[in-house]
Amino acid sequence: MLNWGSVRGGKSYLVDCASNSNGPWTQVAVTTDTQAVISNLVSGTKYYFRVRALGAAGLGPWSDIAAKMAA
């Protein structure tokens, strides 16, 4: 499970995933929560994630990239 802090004014969050920190990136979730469960990952493989908020003002900047190992 991924989780992140809320962004003021954020109504939903877009989550991207990649197998390399430089991409290419694939959108894997859109949620109104500050967490997401990403499925269809290969166990023992390292993945990179980034998140950004969408609110009344439009899309925010991407978060810092986080790396996680799939369970």
C-alpha atoms as a PDB file:
ATOM      1  CA  MET A   1       0.000   0.000   0.000  1.00  0.00           C
ATOM      2  CA  LEU A   2       1.173   3.496  -0.822  1.00  0.00           C
ATOM      3  CA  ASN A   3       0.277   6.460   1.331  1.00  0.00           C
ATOM      4  CA  TRP A   4       1.090  10.153   1.246  1.00  0.00           C
ATOM      5  CA  GLY A   5       0.155  13.376   2.962  1.00  0.00           C
ATOM      6  CA  SER A   6      -2.842  15.371   1.853  1.00  0.00           C
ATOM      7  CA  VAL A   7      -2.448  18.502  -0.248  1.00  0.00           C
ATOM      8  CA  ARG A   8      -4.496  21.561   0.654  1.00  0.00           C
ATOM      9  CA  GLY A   9      -7.206  21.956  -1.974  1.00  0.00           C
ATOM     10  CA  GLY A  10      -6.526  18.506  -3.413  1.00  0.00           C
ATOM     11  CA  LYS A  11      -9.746  16.774  -4.416  1.00  0.00           C
ATOM     12  CA  SER A  12      -8.129  13.695  -5.963  1.00  0.00           C
ATOM     13  CA  TYR A  13      -4.684  12.222  -6.466  1.00  0.00           C
ATOM     14  CA  LEU A  14      -3.063  10.700  -9.538  1.00  0.00           C
ATOM     15  CA  VAL A  15      -0.523   7.935  -8.939  1.00  0.00           C
ATOM     16  CA  ASP A  16       2.090   6.958 -11.528  1.00  0.00           C
ATOM     17  CA  CYS A  17       4.348   3.899 -11.454  1.00  0.00           C
ATOM     18  CA  ALA A  18       7.520   2.955 -13.321  1.00  0.00           C
ATOM     19  CA  SER A  19      10.140   0.232 -13.170  1.00  0.00           C
ATOM     20  CA  ASN A  20      12.883   2.858 -13.580  1.00  0.00           C
ATOM     21  CA  SER A  21      13.191   6.163 -11.720  1.00  0.00           C
ATOM     22  CA  ASN A  22      13.412   7.958 -15.082  1.00  0.00           C
ATOM     23  CA  GLY A  23      10.207   6.373 -16.440  1.00  0.00           C
ATOM     24  CA  PRO A  24       8.402   5.718 -18.629  1.00  0.00           C
ATOM     25  CA  TRP A  25       5.511   6.381 -16.234  1.00  0.00           C
ATOM     26  CA  THR A  26       2.110   4.689 -16.241  1.00  0.00           C
ATOM     27  CA  GLN A  27      -0.899   5.985 -14.346  1.00  0.00           C
ATOM     28  CA  VAL A  28      -1.968   3.207 -11.959  1.00  0.00           C
ATOM     29  CA  ALA A  29      -4.510   4.924  -9.712  1.00  0.00           C
ATOM     30  CA  VAL A  30      -6.783   7.912  -9.320  1.00  0.00           C
ATOM     31  CA  THR A  31      -8.180   8.266  -5.811  1.00  0.00           C
ATOM     32  CA  THR A  32      -9.776  10.779  -3.472  1.00  0.00           C
ATOM     33  CA  ASP A  33      -7.963   9.140  -0.546  1.00  0.00           C
ATOM     34  CA  THR A  34      -4.331   9.625   0.533  1.00  0.00           C
ATOM     35  CA  GLN A  35      -3.516   5.966  -0.024  1.00  0.00           C
ATOM     36  CA  ALA A  36      -3.763   3.416  -2.800  1.00  0.00           C
ATOM     37  CA  VAL A  37      -3.295  -0.311  -3.235  1.00  0.00           C
ATOM     38  CA  ILE A  38      -1.556  -1.065  -6.515  1.00  0.00           C
ATOM     39  CA  SER A  39      -2.166  -4.530  -7.930  1.00  0.00           C
ATOM     40  CA  ASN A  40      -0.536  -6.600 -10.679  1.00  0.00           C
ATOM     41  CA  LEU A  41       2.996  -5.928  -9.448  1.00  0.00           C
ATOM     42  CA  VAL A  42       5.702  -8.616  -9.635  1.00  0.00           C
ATOM     43  CA  SER A  43       6.749  -9.792  -6.183  1.00  0.00           C
ATOM     44  CA  GLY A  44      10.330  -8.862  -5.279  1.00  0.00           C
ATOM     45  CA  THR A  45      10.541  -6.178  -7.972  1.00  0.00           C
ATOM     46  CA  LYS A  46      11.428  -2.578  -7.141  1.00  0.00           C
ATOM     47  CA  TYR A  47       8.946   0.022  -8.418  1.00  0.00           C
ATOM     48  CA  TYR A  48       9.030   3.792  -8.451  1.00  0.00           C
ATOM     49  CA  PHE A  49       6.000   5.948  -7.672  1.00  0.00           C
ATOM     50  CA  ARG A  50       5.024   9.582  -7.893  1.00  0.00           C
ATOM     51  CA  VAL A  51       1.791  11.336  -6.915  1.00  0.00           C
ATOM     52  CA  ARG A  52       0.169  14.661  -7.695  1.00  0.00           C
ATOM     53  CA  ALA A  53      -3.004  16.349  -6.598  1.00  0.00           C
ATOM     54  CA  LEU A  54      -5.870  17.621  -8.686  1.00  0.00           C
ATOM     55  CA  GLY A  55      -7.979  20.436  -7.299  1.00  0.00           C
ATOM     56  CA  ALA A  56      -9.968  23.491  -8.353  1.00  0.00           C
ATOM     57  CA  ALA A  57      -6.745  25.179  -9.497  1.00  0.00           C
ATOM     58  CA  GLY A  58      -5.810  22.211 -11.709  1.00  0.00           C
ATOM     59  CA  LEU A  59      -2.965  19.728 -11.411  1.00  0.00           C
ATOM     60  CA  GLY A  60      -0.260  20.237  -8.835  1.00  0.00           C
ATOM     61  CA  PRO A  61       3.403  19.319  -9.250  1.00  0.00           C
ATOM     62  CA  TRP A  62       4.594  15.731  -9.000  1.00  0.00           C
ATOM     63  CA  SER A  63       5.809  14.535  -5.608  1.00  0.00           C
ATOM     64  CA  ASP A  64       9.338  13.351  -5.055  1.00  0.00           C
ATOM     65  CA  ILE A  65       9.814   9.850  -6.443  1.00  0.00           C
ATOM     66  CA  ALA A  66       9.503   7.029  -3.900  1.00  0.00           C
ATOM     67  CA  ALA A  67      10.797   3.494  -4.413  1.00  0.00           C
ATOM     68  CA  LYS A  68       9.073   0.429  -2.981  1.00  0.00           C
ATOM     69  CA  MET A  69       9.653  -3.294  -3.294  1.00  0.00           C
ATOM     70  CA  ALA A  70       6.552  -5.289  -4.231  1.00  0.00           C
ATOM     71  CA  ALA A  71       5.594  -7.841  -1.577  1.00  0.00           C
END
